[in-house]
Protein backbone atom coordinates (compact mmCIF):
# COMPACT_ATOMS: atom_id res chain seq x y z
CA MET A 1 1.30 -100.91 41.60
CA SER A 2 1.77 -102.71 38.82
CA LYS A 3 3.35 -102.20 35.28
CA LEU A 4 0.92 -100.60 33.42
CA GLU A 5 -0.26 -98.18 35.92
CA GLU A 6 3.42 -97.00 36.01
CA ALA A 7 3.78 -96.92 32.48
CA ARG A 8 0.59 -95.06 32.27
CA ARG A 9 1.76 -92.50 35.09
CA GLU A 10 5.26 -91.91 32.62
CA ILE A 11 3.23 -91.08 30.03
CA ASP A 12 1.81 -88.67 32.06
CA SER A 13 4.70 -86.93 33.11
CA ILE A 14 5.82 -86.97 29.86
CA ASP A 15 3.48 -85.68 28.05
CA LYS A 16 2.61 -82.84 30.66
CA GLU A 17 5.99 -81.88 30.01
CA MET A 18 5.40 -82.13 25.80
CA ALA A 19 2.66 -79.79 26.50
CA ALA A 20 4.83 -77.38 27.99
CA LEU A 21 7.45 -77.87 25.38
CA PHE A 22 4.43 -77.26 22.79
CA CYS A 23 3.29 -74.05 23.93
CA ARG A 24 6.69 -72.78 23.97
CA ARG A 25 7.05 -73.97 19.95
CA MET A 26 4.43 -72.27 19.05
CA GLU A 27 5.48 -68.58 20.86
CA ALA A 28 8.52 -69.11 18.80
CA ALA A 29 6.53 -69.95 15.55
CA LYS A 30 4.73 -66.68 16.27
CA ASP A 31 7.54 -65.07 16.68
CA ILE A 32 8.58 -66.70 12.94
CA ALA A 33 5.12 -65.84 11.28
CA MET A 34 5.37 -62.36 12.53
CA HIS A 35 9.04 -61.89 10.69
CA LYS A 36 7.42 -63.71 7.92
CA LYS A 37 4.86 -61.13 7.96
CA GLU A 38 7.28 -58.40 8.34
CA PHE A 39 9.27 -59.32 5.26
CA GLY A 40 6.73 -60.87 3.02
CA LEU A 41 7.98 -64.40 2.99
CA PRO A 42 5.81 -67.50 2.22
CA ILE A 43 4.17 -69.47 5.99
CA TYR A 44 5.72 -72.92 3.76
CA ASP A 45 9.64 -73.29 3.48
CA PRO A 46 9.83 -76.66 2.02
CA VAL A 47 13.78 -76.17 2.52
CA ARG A 48 13.56 -75.49 6.00
CA GLU A 49 11.16 -77.76 6.99
CA ALA A 50 13.17 -81.04 5.17
CA GLN A 51 15.99 -79.79 6.93
CA VAL A 52 14.71 -79.60 10.65
CA ILE A 53 12.98 -83.21 9.53
CA ALA A 54 16.12 -84.58 8.49
CA LYS A 55 18.32 -83.48 11.54
CA ASN A 56 16.17 -84.38 14.12
CA SER A 57 14.91 -87.59 12.82
CA GLU A 58 18.47 -88.38 13.04
CA LYS A 59 18.70 -88.30 16.44
CA VAL A 60 16.41 -91.72 16.72
CA GLN A 61 18.42 -94.68 16.50
CA ASP A 62 15.73 -97.12 16.32
CA ASP A 63 14.43 -97.71 12.99
CA THR A 64 11.01 -98.41 13.52
CA LEU A 65 10.46 -95.11 15.92
CA LYS A 66 12.44 -92.92 13.24
CA GLU A 67 9.57 -93.43 10.36
CA TYR A 68 7.45 -92.77 13.31
CA TYR A 69 8.85 -89.98 14.82
CA THR A 70 9.06 -88.67 11.15
CA SER A 71 5.81 -88.48 10.97
CA PHE A 72 5.01 -86.75 14.30
CA LEU A 73 7.34 -83.61 13.17
CA GLN A 74 5.21 -83.78 9.50
CA ASP A 75 2.79 -83.63 11.51
CA LEU A 76 3.96 -80.75 13.87
CA MET A 77 5.16 -78.52 11.30
CA ARG A 78 1.69 -79.06 9.57
CA THR A 79 0.27 -78.07 13.07
CA SER A 80 2.49 -75.30 12.92
CA LYS A 81 1.88 -74.01 9.38
CA ALA A 82 -2.02 -73.75 10.64
CA TYR A 83 -1.34 -71.67 12.99
CA GLN A 84 0.78 -69.28 11.63
CA THR A 85 -1.50 -69.10 8.29
CA ARG A 86 -4.28 -67.96 11.37
CA LEU A 87 -2.57 -65.37 12.46
CA LEU A 88 -1.20 -63.74 9.09
CA GLU A 89 -5.17 -63.90 8.13
CA GLY A 90 -5.05 -60.43 8.46
CA MET A 91 -2.39 -59.18 6.64
CA ARG A 92 -2.76 -56.72 3.92
CA VAL A 93 -0.90 -56.78 0.74
CA ALA A 94 -1.41 -53.88 -1.77
CA PHE A 95 -1.30 -54.10 -5.45
CA SER A 96 -2.02 -52.17 -9.03
CA GLY A 97 -5.49 -52.75 -10.46
CA THR A 98 -8.92 -54.35 -9.89
CA LEU A 99 -9.36 -58.16 -8.90
CA GLY A 100 -8.95 -60.63 -11.57
CA ALA A 101 -5.97 -58.92 -12.77
CA PHE A 102 -2.69 -60.56 -13.17
CA ALA A 103 -1.38 -58.39 -10.39
CA HIS A 104 -4.41 -60.07 -8.29
CA ILE A 105 -3.13 -63.69 -9.14
CA ALA A 106 0.00 -62.93 -8.13
CA VAL A 107 -0.62 -61.63 -4.71
CA LYS A 108 -3.17 -64.72 -4.23
CA LYS A 109 -0.32 -66.91 -5.27
CA LEU A 110 2.35 -65.21 -2.86
CA PHE A 111 -0.06 -64.91 -0.16
CA PRO A 112 -3.28 -67.55 -0.02
CA THR A 113 -4.36 -66.18 3.18
CA ALA A 114 -3.73 -62.88 2.87
CA LYS A 115 -6.53 -59.64 2.02
CA ALA A 116 -5.66 -58.37 -1.37
CA VAL A 117 -6.18 -54.83 -1.33
CA PRO A 118 -6.21 -52.76 -4.97
CA TYR A 119 -5.46 -49.41 -5.71
CA GLY A 120 -5.79 -47.11 -8.79
CA ASP A 121 -1.89 -47.06 -9.81
CA PHE A 122 1.49 -48.28 -8.72
CA ALA A 123 2.52 -45.03 -6.50
CA ALA A 124 -0.55 -45.35 -4.68
CA ALA A 125 -0.26 -48.97 -3.84
CA TYR A 126 3.20 -48.36 -3.01
CA HIS A 127 3.05 -45.89 -0.73
CA ALA A 128 0.04 -47.66 0.94
CA VAL A 129 2.47 -49.65 2.38
CA GLU A 130 5.00 -46.93 3.63
CA ALA A 131 2.02 -45.29 5.41
CA GLY A 132 1.66 -48.39 7.39
CA GLU A 133 -2.13 -49.46 5.34
CA CYS A 134 -0.36 -52.49 4.24
CA ASP A 135 2.01 -54.54 5.16
CA ALA A 136 3.35 -55.54 1.82
CA VAL A 137 2.85 -54.35 -1.99
CA VAL A 138 3.01 -56.49 -5.06
CA LEU A 139 4.00 -54.72 -8.13
CA PRO A 140 5.49 -55.82 -11.20
CA VAL A 141 9.24 -55.03 -12.23
CA GLU A 142 9.38 -56.39 -15.28
CA ASN A 143 7.85 -58.81 -18.61
CA SER A 144 9.94 -60.85 -20.94
CA PHE A 145 8.05 -59.11 -23.67
CA ASN A 146 7.63 -55.50 -22.63
CA GLY A 147 10.49 -55.23 -20.67
CA GLU A 148 11.24 -53.41 -17.40
CA VAL A 149 8.41 -50.99 -15.90
CA GLY A 150 9.89 -47.98 -15.53
CA GLN A 151 7.37 -46.63 -13.24
CA VAL A 152 8.04 -49.22 -10.61
CA THR A 153 11.68 -49.08 -10.42
CA ASP A 154 11.57 -45.14 -10.32
CA LEU A 155 9.50 -45.42 -7.05
CA MET A 156 12.20 -47.76 -6.02
CA PHE A 157 14.69 -45.58 -6.59
CA SER A 158 13.07 -42.55 -4.35
CA GLY A 159 10.63 -44.46 -2.02
CA SER A 160 11.92 -46.63 1.17
CA LEU A 161 10.81 -49.86 0.82
CA TYR A 162 12.54 -53.20 0.11
CA VAL A 163 12.73 -55.89 -2.26
CA ASN A 164 12.25 -59.18 -0.48
CA ARG A 165 11.25 -61.08 -2.86
CA ILE A 166 10.43 -61.67 -6.51
CA MET A 167 8.08 -64.40 -8.35
CA GLU A 168 7.91 -64.84 -12.36
CA LEU A 169 4.50 -65.50 -13.15
CA ALA A 170 3.72 -66.74 -16.35
CA VAL A 171 1.10 -64.63 -18.46
CA ASP A 172 -1.34 -66.27 -20.66
CA GLN A 173 -3.79 -64.24 -22.17
CA ASP A 174 -7.56 -65.18 -22.88
CA LEU A 175 -10.00 -63.91 -25.57
CA LEU A 176 -12.69 -63.67 -23.19
CA VAL A 177 -16.85 -63.29 -24.62
CA CYS A 178 -20.11 -63.05 -23.20
CA PRO A 179 -21.47 -66.60 -22.32
CA ASN A 180 -23.66 -66.90 -25.78
CA ALA A 181 -21.18 -65.18 -27.42
CA SER A 182 -19.40 -67.42 -30.09
CA ALA A 183 -16.11 -66.80 -33.18
CA GLU A 184 -18.31 -65.24 -35.65
CA ASP A 185 -19.60 -62.67 -33.16
CA ILE A 186 -16.44 -61.00 -32.92
CA LYS A 187 -15.54 -57.38 -33.93
CA GLU A 188 -13.55 -55.69 -31.36
CA VAL A 189 -11.61 -56.51 -29.00
CA VAL A 190 -10.54 -53.99 -24.90
CA SER A 191 -7.99 -54.47 -23.07
CA HIS A 192 -4.48 -52.78 -21.59
CA PRO A 193 -1.75 -51.66 -24.52
CA GLN A 194 0.18 -54.55 -22.91
CA ALA A 195 -1.97 -56.80 -23.16
CA LEU A 196 -2.86 -55.98 -26.76
CA GLY A 197 0.63 -55.75 -27.72
CA GLN A 198 1.18 -58.95 -26.49
CA CYS A 199 -1.43 -60.54 -28.91
CA ALA A 200 -1.02 -58.26 -31.96
CA ASP A 201 -0.39 -60.91 -34.19
CA TYR A 202 -3.54 -62.85 -33.67
CA ILE A 203 -5.75 -59.49 -33.42
CA ARG A 204 -4.49 -58.59 -37.03
CA ALA A 205 -5.12 -62.07 -37.97
CA LYS A 206 -8.56 -61.65 -36.89
CA GLY A 207 -9.10 -58.10 -38.52
CA TYR A 208 -10.53 -57.11 -34.72
CA THR A 209 -10.81 -53.13 -34.15
CA VAL A 210 -9.07 -52.54 -30.61
CA ARG A 211 -10.03 -50.29 -27.88
CA GLU A 212 -7.25 -49.71 -24.64
CA PHE A 213 -8.75 -50.19 -21.45
CA VAL A 214 -6.20 -49.19 -17.86
CA ASN A 215 -6.28 -52.95 -17.14
CA THR A 216 -6.90 -56.63 -18.63
CA ALA A 217 -9.53 -57.12 -15.11
CA LEU A 218 -11.58 -53.67 -16.20
CA ALA A 219 -11.96 -54.82 -19.43
CA ALA A 220 -12.96 -58.47 -18.80
CA LYS A 221 -15.51 -56.48 -16.21
CA TYR A 222 -16.29 -54.43 -18.72
CA VAL A 223 -17.59 -57.47 -20.97
CA ALA A 224 -19.38 -58.06 -18.94
CA GLU A 225 -21.78 -55.36 -18.21
CA GLN A 226 -22.16 -53.93 -21.57
CA GLY A 227 -23.73 -57.67 -22.63
CA ASP A 228 -22.26 -56.69 -26.40
CA LYS A 229 -21.78 -59.95 -28.19
CA SER A 230 -19.27 -58.48 -30.33
CA LEU A 231 -16.94 -57.12 -27.76
CA ALA A 232 -13.88 -59.09 -26.11
CA ALA A 233 -11.78 -58.73 -23.77
CA ILE A 234 -8.15 -60.14 -23.56
CA ALA A 235 -7.79 -60.85 -20.04
CA SER A 236 -6.77 -64.08 -17.46
CA ALA A 237 -9.17 -67.29 -16.15
CA GLU A 238 -9.46 -66.24 -13.42
CA ALA A 239 -10.89 -62.22 -14.90
CA ALA A 240 -13.38 -64.54 -16.73
CA GLU A 241 -14.47 -66.63 -13.95
CA LEU A 242 -14.98 -63.65 -11.70
CA PHE A 243 -17.13 -62.09 -14.33
CA GLY A 244 -19.18 -64.69 -15.27
CA LEU A 245 -17.54 -64.20 -18.92
CA LYS A 246 -16.63 -67.58 -21.43
CA VAL A 247 -13.17 -68.23 -22.42
CA LEU A 248 -13.22 -68.54 -25.91
CA GLU A 249 -9.62 -68.96 -26.85
CA ARG A 250 -6.55 -69.84 -24.99
CA ASN A 251 -3.15 -68.38 -25.23
CA ILE A 252 -3.49 -65.76 -27.86
CA ASN A 253 -0.31 -64.00 -27.09
CA THR A 254 2.60 -64.30 -29.72
CA ASP A 255 5.17 -64.98 -27.52
CA ARG A 256 4.19 -68.43 -25.23
CA GLY A 257 6.88 -67.33 -22.61
CA ASN A 258 5.56 -64.32 -21.86
CA THR A 259 6.40 -64.20 -18.15
CA THR A 260 5.99 -61.09 -15.50
CA ARG A 261 8.27 -60.76 -12.68
CA PHE A 262 6.36 -59.24 -9.46
CA ALA A 263 8.40 -57.99 -6.39
CA VAL A 264 7.29 -58.27 -2.90
CA MET A 265 7.88 -54.84 -0.98
CA THR A 266 7.85 -54.31 2.68
CA ARG A 267 8.99 -51.56 5.48
CA ALA A 268 11.57 -53.56 6.19
CA GLU A 269 14.74 -55.11 5.03
CA ASN A 270 14.70 -59.60 5.17
CA ARG A 271 18.49 -60.46 6.75
CA ALA A 272 17.95 -63.78 6.95
CA HIS A 273 17.16 -66.47 3.69
CA ALA A 274 16.75 -69.82 3.76
CA ASN A 275 18.55 -71.00 0.66
CA SER A 276 21.94 -68.62 0.73
CA GLY A 277 23.49 -70.12 -2.17
CA LYS A 278 21.06 -68.33 -4.94
CA LEU A 279 20.56 -65.13 -3.91
CA CYS A 280 20.40 -61.44 -6.12
CA SER A 281 20.90 -57.99 -4.81
CA ILE A 282 19.43 -54.85 -6.30
CA LEU A 283 21.42 -51.68 -6.28
CA LEU A 284 20.08 -49.02 -7.23
CA PHE A 285 23.20 -45.60 -8.29
CA THR A 286 24.47 -42.47 -9.20
CA VAL A 287 27.31 -42.34 -11.10
CA LYS A 288 29.63 -38.94 -10.18
CA HIS A 289 30.38 -36.42 -13.09
CA GLN A 290 33.61 -37.87 -13.72
CA ALA A 291 35.51 -39.40 -16.54
CA GLY A 292 34.88 -43.12 -16.79
CA ALA A 293 33.45 -43.07 -13.93
CA LEU A 294 30.08 -45.68 -14.68
CA ALA A 295 33.28 -48.12 -15.84
CA LYS A 296 35.35 -47.57 -13.11
CA ALA A 297 31.90 -48.97 -10.79
CA LEU A 298 31.48 -52.03 -13.10
CA ASP A 299 35.11 -52.72 -12.76
CA ILE A 300 34.31 -52.59 -9.16
CA VAL A 301 31.26 -54.97 -9.38
CA GLY A 302 33.38 -57.81 -10.79
CA LEU A 303 36.98 -57.35 -9.15
CA HIS A 304 34.53 -58.41 -5.88
CA GLY A 305 33.71 -61.23 -7.45
CA PHE A 306 29.90 -60.52 -8.62
CA ASN A 307 28.67 -61.10 -11.95
CA MET A 308 26.32 -58.42 -12.55
CA GLY A 309 22.93 -60.13 -14.71
CA VAL A 310 21.10 -56.75 -15.19
CA LEU A 311 21.89 -53.15 -15.75
CA ARG A 312 19.63 -50.28 -16.92
CA SER A 313 19.36 -47.09 -16.77
CA ARG A 314 16.76 -44.63 -15.96
CA PRO A 315 16.09 -40.45 -16.58
CA THR A 316 16.15 -38.77 -13.33
CA LYS A 317 13.03 -37.03 -12.37
CA GLY A 318 13.42 -33.83 -12.32
CA LYS A 319 17.05 -33.40 -13.61
CA MET A 320 17.19 -32.97 -17.46
CA TRP A 321 19.53 -35.59 -18.92
CA GLN A 322 20.74 -37.23 -16.09
CA TYR A 323 20.29 -40.97 -15.04
CA TYR A 324 20.53 -43.62 -12.68
CA PHE A 325 21.31 -46.63 -13.07
CA TYR A 326 19.36 -50.23 -12.21
CA ALA A 327 21.59 -53.47 -11.40
CA GLU A 328 21.07 -56.84 -10.23
CA VAL A 329 24.34 -58.54 -8.76
CA GLU A 330 24.43 -62.38 -8.04
CA GLY A 331 25.12 -62.89 -4.40
CA ASP A 332 24.52 -61.03 -1.19
CA VAL A 333 25.94 -57.59 -1.03
CA ARG A 334 26.09 -57.81 3.00
CA THR A 335 29.29 -60.00 2.85
CA PRO A 336 32.26 -58.89 3.73
CA ALA A 337 33.45 -58.68 0.28
CA GLY A 338 29.83 -57.23 -0.82
CA GLU A 339 30.04 -54.45 2.02
CA ASP A 340 33.58 -53.73 0.45
CA MET A 341 32.22 -53.27 -3.19
CA LEU A 342 29.80 -51.32 -1.50
CA ARG A 343 32.04 -49.16 -0.04
CA MET A 344 34.31 -48.49 -3.22
CA LEU A 345 31.71 -47.60 -5.01
CA GLY A 346 31.10 -44.92 -2.82
CA ARG A 347 33.87 -43.38 -4.43
CA PHE A 348 32.54 -42.80 -7.29
CA CYS A 349 28.77 -42.64 -6.85
CA ASP A 350 27.03 -39.89 -5.67
CA CYS A 351 23.64 -42.16 -4.89
CA LEU A 352 24.26 -45.50 -3.60
CA LYS A 353 21.35 -47.63 -2.38
CA HIS A 354 20.92 -51.40 -1.93
CA VAL A 355 17.31 -51.59 -2.03
CA GLY A 356 16.79 -55.54 -0.99
CA THR A 357 18.49 -58.99 -1.55
CA TYR A 358 16.22 -62.02 -2.92
CA GLU A 359 16.01 -65.82 -3.26
CA LYS A 360 16.60 -66.48 -7.33
CA GLY A 361 14.34 -68.85 -9.36
CA GLU A 362 10.22 -68.44 -7.08
């Protein structure tokens, strides 16, 4: 047998082993995809991918081969992501509003391949996941201009879903008009009350009258349907494209740093985070009717080394003049120190709920 034949036989044998290993690897990738679907996590994890490539490339000593092996791993990662994408194409993600609304934009950024399912309000979208109609829900929890979204906080307090991700989405409000309209034609603007508030200075300077709508995207749809050159909507550029409108002026909101935090909630808690050094945990609690109970509870958080970045109070539904508290602490409360903190908090809290832990900075 010639050396060429021997080499080809060796390659055939190796390829057979590689095929079996490839199938094993894709089965593991399938399990990872199902985990990501359950916890509302992104398919692409750049930190994990870089770690895998760096760790495995070091196993190849030959510098030239290492270069090709790195390319091999990158191709393998792309194949794995494509396979996971196919598996997750059936994922359903609920949101409140309609197509073109900022919540819909957030869903498409977070889950590009999933089916975005609109619901009429926050509660309907939240309960759709509790009932199993959808795999995850994306809801706004706070806006840098208008503050917290109290209805969503109340759902977190009374409901059963976990927060596994939080994304900050910059909100740029644009003035949308009919294709044949000009600046001189505009007399009235329609939009959601929050959008009107964010653009109040602009509206006042132009002397427009205002009309409120349920959400920004529906306002854009209304302007498109009316075909009235005197009407304008305040909404996103995505809504303009969706409903065939023209962006007359961009970024008309007063605060150019206007940002909304959107939370991804699912039925299961994600207990595995790639970036464990930058975690934040959400706690909801009520304190006992004892002198200094709240102050003592806050002291316990600090004594265990957790920095409380957010603390807000909300009225408890059905209990007049009683309140619960929403807190975000830096770190993972599922560590031994965190679990001890939660045990000690129980001495001063009637109700204590860990809603979820997420990675900061997304």
